[in-house]
Amino acid sequence: MRKALWLSLASLLLAGCNWGIKLDSAAKNIRTAWNDDVSACRDMGKVTVSVMDRVGPVDRNEIKVASELEVLARNSAAQMRGADTIKPLADPADGSQAWGVYECGSRTLKAAPARPAAPASAGRTQTFPVQGG
């Protein structure tokens, strides 16, 4: 009985971990430049945000933690006059992540150069059209 109560309580805590983390209305205008080149933008500074990545002995879902970190970074950038873009400076670690804040205005962000594709013969499966009869 005691174990079932503990599991129910832990489930409720895990489900409610992001109740207070909402995207502010001003932050809806902040872009996230995941792989884009922001070198043409004005550097506005850096913000470091953090959330709980563990609840007791239980690790939280990494995707959920990363999503919450992005929301917090966008909310923080929205408070900086002129900021309109954020870009992660590092991967999340222990529930914390550093983000660069930029003013890009109407500049079109360029995607970072893609990695060259592996040759077709590098262990990939080939497909051929089937002739109907």
Protein backbone atom coordinates (compact mmCIF):
# COMPACT_ATOMS: atom_id res chain seq x y z
CA MET A 1 0.00 0.00 0.00
CA ARG A 2 2.77 2.39 0.95
CA LYS A 3 4.67 1.63 -2.28
CA ALA A 4 1.56 2.33 -4.41
CA LEU A 5 1.06 5.66 -2.64
CA TRP A 6 4.72 6.59 -3.25
CA LEU A 7 4.47 5.69 -6.96
CA SER A 8 1.25 7.71 -7.33
CA LEU A 9 2.85 10.73 -5.67
CA ALA A 10 5.98 10.44 -7.83
CA SER A 11 3.84 10.23 -11.00
CA LEU A 12 1.95 13.38 -10.03
CA LEU A 13 5.17 15.25 -9.33
CA LEU A 14 6.71 14.21 -12.65
CA ALA A 15 3.58 15.10 -14.60
CA GLY A 16 3.39 18.56 -13.07
CA CYS A 17 7.02 19.58 -13.44
CA ASN A 18 6.37 22.15 -16.16
CA TRP A 19 3.18 23.75 -14.84
CA GLY A 20 4.88 27.08 -14.22
CA ILE A 21 6.97 27.17 -17.43
CA LYS A 22 4.92 28.93 -20.08
CA LEU A 23 5.99 30.97 -23.09
CA ASP A 24 5.37 34.67 -22.38
CA SER A 25 3.40 36.61 -24.99
CA ALA A 26 6.43 38.80 -25.77
CA ALA A 27 8.61 35.69 -26.21
CA LYS A 28 6.45 34.46 -29.09
CA ASN A 29 8.42 36.86 -31.33
CA ILE A 30 11.79 35.37 -30.34
CA ARG A 31 13.24 32.98 -32.92
CA THR A 32 15.42 30.01 -32.08
CA ALA A 33 18.38 29.64 -34.44
CA TRP A 34 19.30 26.01 -33.85
CA ASN A 35 21.78 25.59 -36.71
CA ASP A 36 21.72 29.03 -38.28
CA ASP A 37 24.61 31.44 -38.73
CA VAL A 38 24.02 34.50 -36.54
CA SER A 39 27.33 36.23 -37.38
CA ALA A 40 25.48 39.03 -39.20
CA CYS A 41 23.34 39.71 -36.10
CA ARG A 42 24.11 42.03 -33.20
CA ASP A 43 25.24 40.10 -30.12
CA MET A 44 23.07 41.16 -27.17
CA GLY A 45 24.68 38.93 -24.55
CA LYS A 46 24.16 35.56 -22.95
CA VAL A 47 21.55 34.01 -20.68
CA THR A 48 21.85 30.80 -18.71
CA VAL A 49 18.63 29.08 -17.74
CA SER A 50 17.98 26.01 -15.63
CA VAL A 51 15.21 23.59 -14.68
CA MET A 52 15.08 20.47 -12.54
CA ASP A 53 16.39 17.52 -14.53
CA ARG A 54 15.72 15.07 -11.69
CA VAL A 55 12.85 14.56 -9.30
CA GLY A 56 14.28 12.63 -6.40
CA PRO A 57 15.99 9.57 -7.84
CA VAL A 58 14.17 9.82 -11.18
CA ASP A 59 15.70 11.50 -14.24
CA ARG A 60 13.25 13.64 -16.20
CA ASN A 61 12.75 13.18 -19.95
CA GLU A 62 15.66 14.89 -21.77
CA ILE A 63 13.41 16.23 -24.54
CA LYS A 64 11.03 17.80 -22.04
CA VAL A 65 13.93 19.37 -20.12
CA ALA A 66 15.41 20.77 -23.38
CA SER A 67 12.03 22.17 -24.41
CA GLU A 68 11.59 23.90 -21.06
CA LEU A 69 15.11 25.36 -21.29
CA GLU A 70 14.27 26.84 -24.70
CA VAL A 71 11.06 28.39 -23.35
CA LEU A 72 12.94 29.95 -20.44
CA ALA A 73 15.65 31.27 -22.77
CA ARG A 74 13.04 32.83 -25.07
CA ASN A 75 11.30 34.41 -22.07
CA SER A 76 14.61 35.85 -20.86
CA ALA A 77 15.51 37.19 -24.30
CA ALA A 78 12.11 38.87 -24.59
CA GLN A 79 13.05 41.03 -21.61
CA MET A 80 16.12 42.37 -23.45
CA ARG A 81 15.31 45.41 -25.58
CA GLY A 82 15.79 44.67 -29.28
CA ALA A 83 16.49 40.95 -28.91
CA ASP A 84 14.67 38.73 -31.39
CA THR A 85 16.77 35.56 -31.70
CA ILE A 86 18.38 33.01 -29.41
CA LYS A 87 20.90 30.28 -30.18
CA PRO A 88 22.14 27.52 -27.87
CA LEU A 89 25.80 27.94 -26.94
CA ALA A 90 26.11 24.45 -25.49
CA ASP A 91 24.08 21.31 -24.96
CA PRO A 92 21.98 21.05 -21.80
CA ALA A 93 23.90 19.71 -18.81
CA ASP A 94 22.44 18.95 -15.38
CA GLY A 95 19.28 20.90 -16.23
CA SER A 96 21.16 24.06 -17.24
CA GLN A 97 21.98 25.59 -20.64
CA ALA A 98 23.67 28.74 -21.93
CA TRP A 99 22.09 30.66 -24.82
CA GLY A 100 23.33 33.54 -26.95
CA VAL A 101 20.86 36.39 -27.45
CA TYR A 102 20.92 38.36 -30.71
CA GLU A 103 19.20 41.13 -32.61
CA CYS A 104 18.87 39.94 -36.18
CA GLY A 105 15.95 42.11 -37.29
CA SER A 106 14.70 41.17 -40.73
CA ARG A 107 17.99 39.53 -41.72
CA THR A 108 17.54 36.11 -43.23
CA LEU A 109 19.51 33.62 -41.21
CA LYS A 110 21.67 31.28 -43.23
CA ALA A 111 21.77 27.62 -42.35
CA ALA A 112 25.14 26.32 -41.26
CA PRO A 113 26.95 24.32 -43.95
CA ALA A 114 25.70 20.76 -44.15
CA ARG A 115 28.02 17.82 -43.77
CA PRO A 116 28.91 16.14 -47.04
CA ALA A 117 26.73 13.13 -47.81
CA ALA A 118 28.27 9.70 -47.54
CA PRO A 119 28.83 7.94 -50.85
CA ALA A 120 26.01 5.62 -51.95
CA SER A 121 28.33 2.64 -51.64
CA ALA A 122 28.98 3.24 -47.93
CA GLY A 123 26.90 0.30 -46.73
CA ARG A 124 23.54 1.76 -47.72
CA THR A 125 20.68 -0.26 -49.11
CA GLN A 126 19.75 0.46 -52.70
CA THR A 127 16.21 0.27 -54.03
CA PHE A 128 15.06 -0.44 -57.57
CA PRO A 129 11.64 0.14 -59.16
CA VAL A 130 9.48 -2.95 -59.55
CA GLN A 131 8.07 -3.61 -63.00
CA GLY A 132 4.30 -4.24 -62.83
CA GLY A 133 2.96 -7.09 -64.96
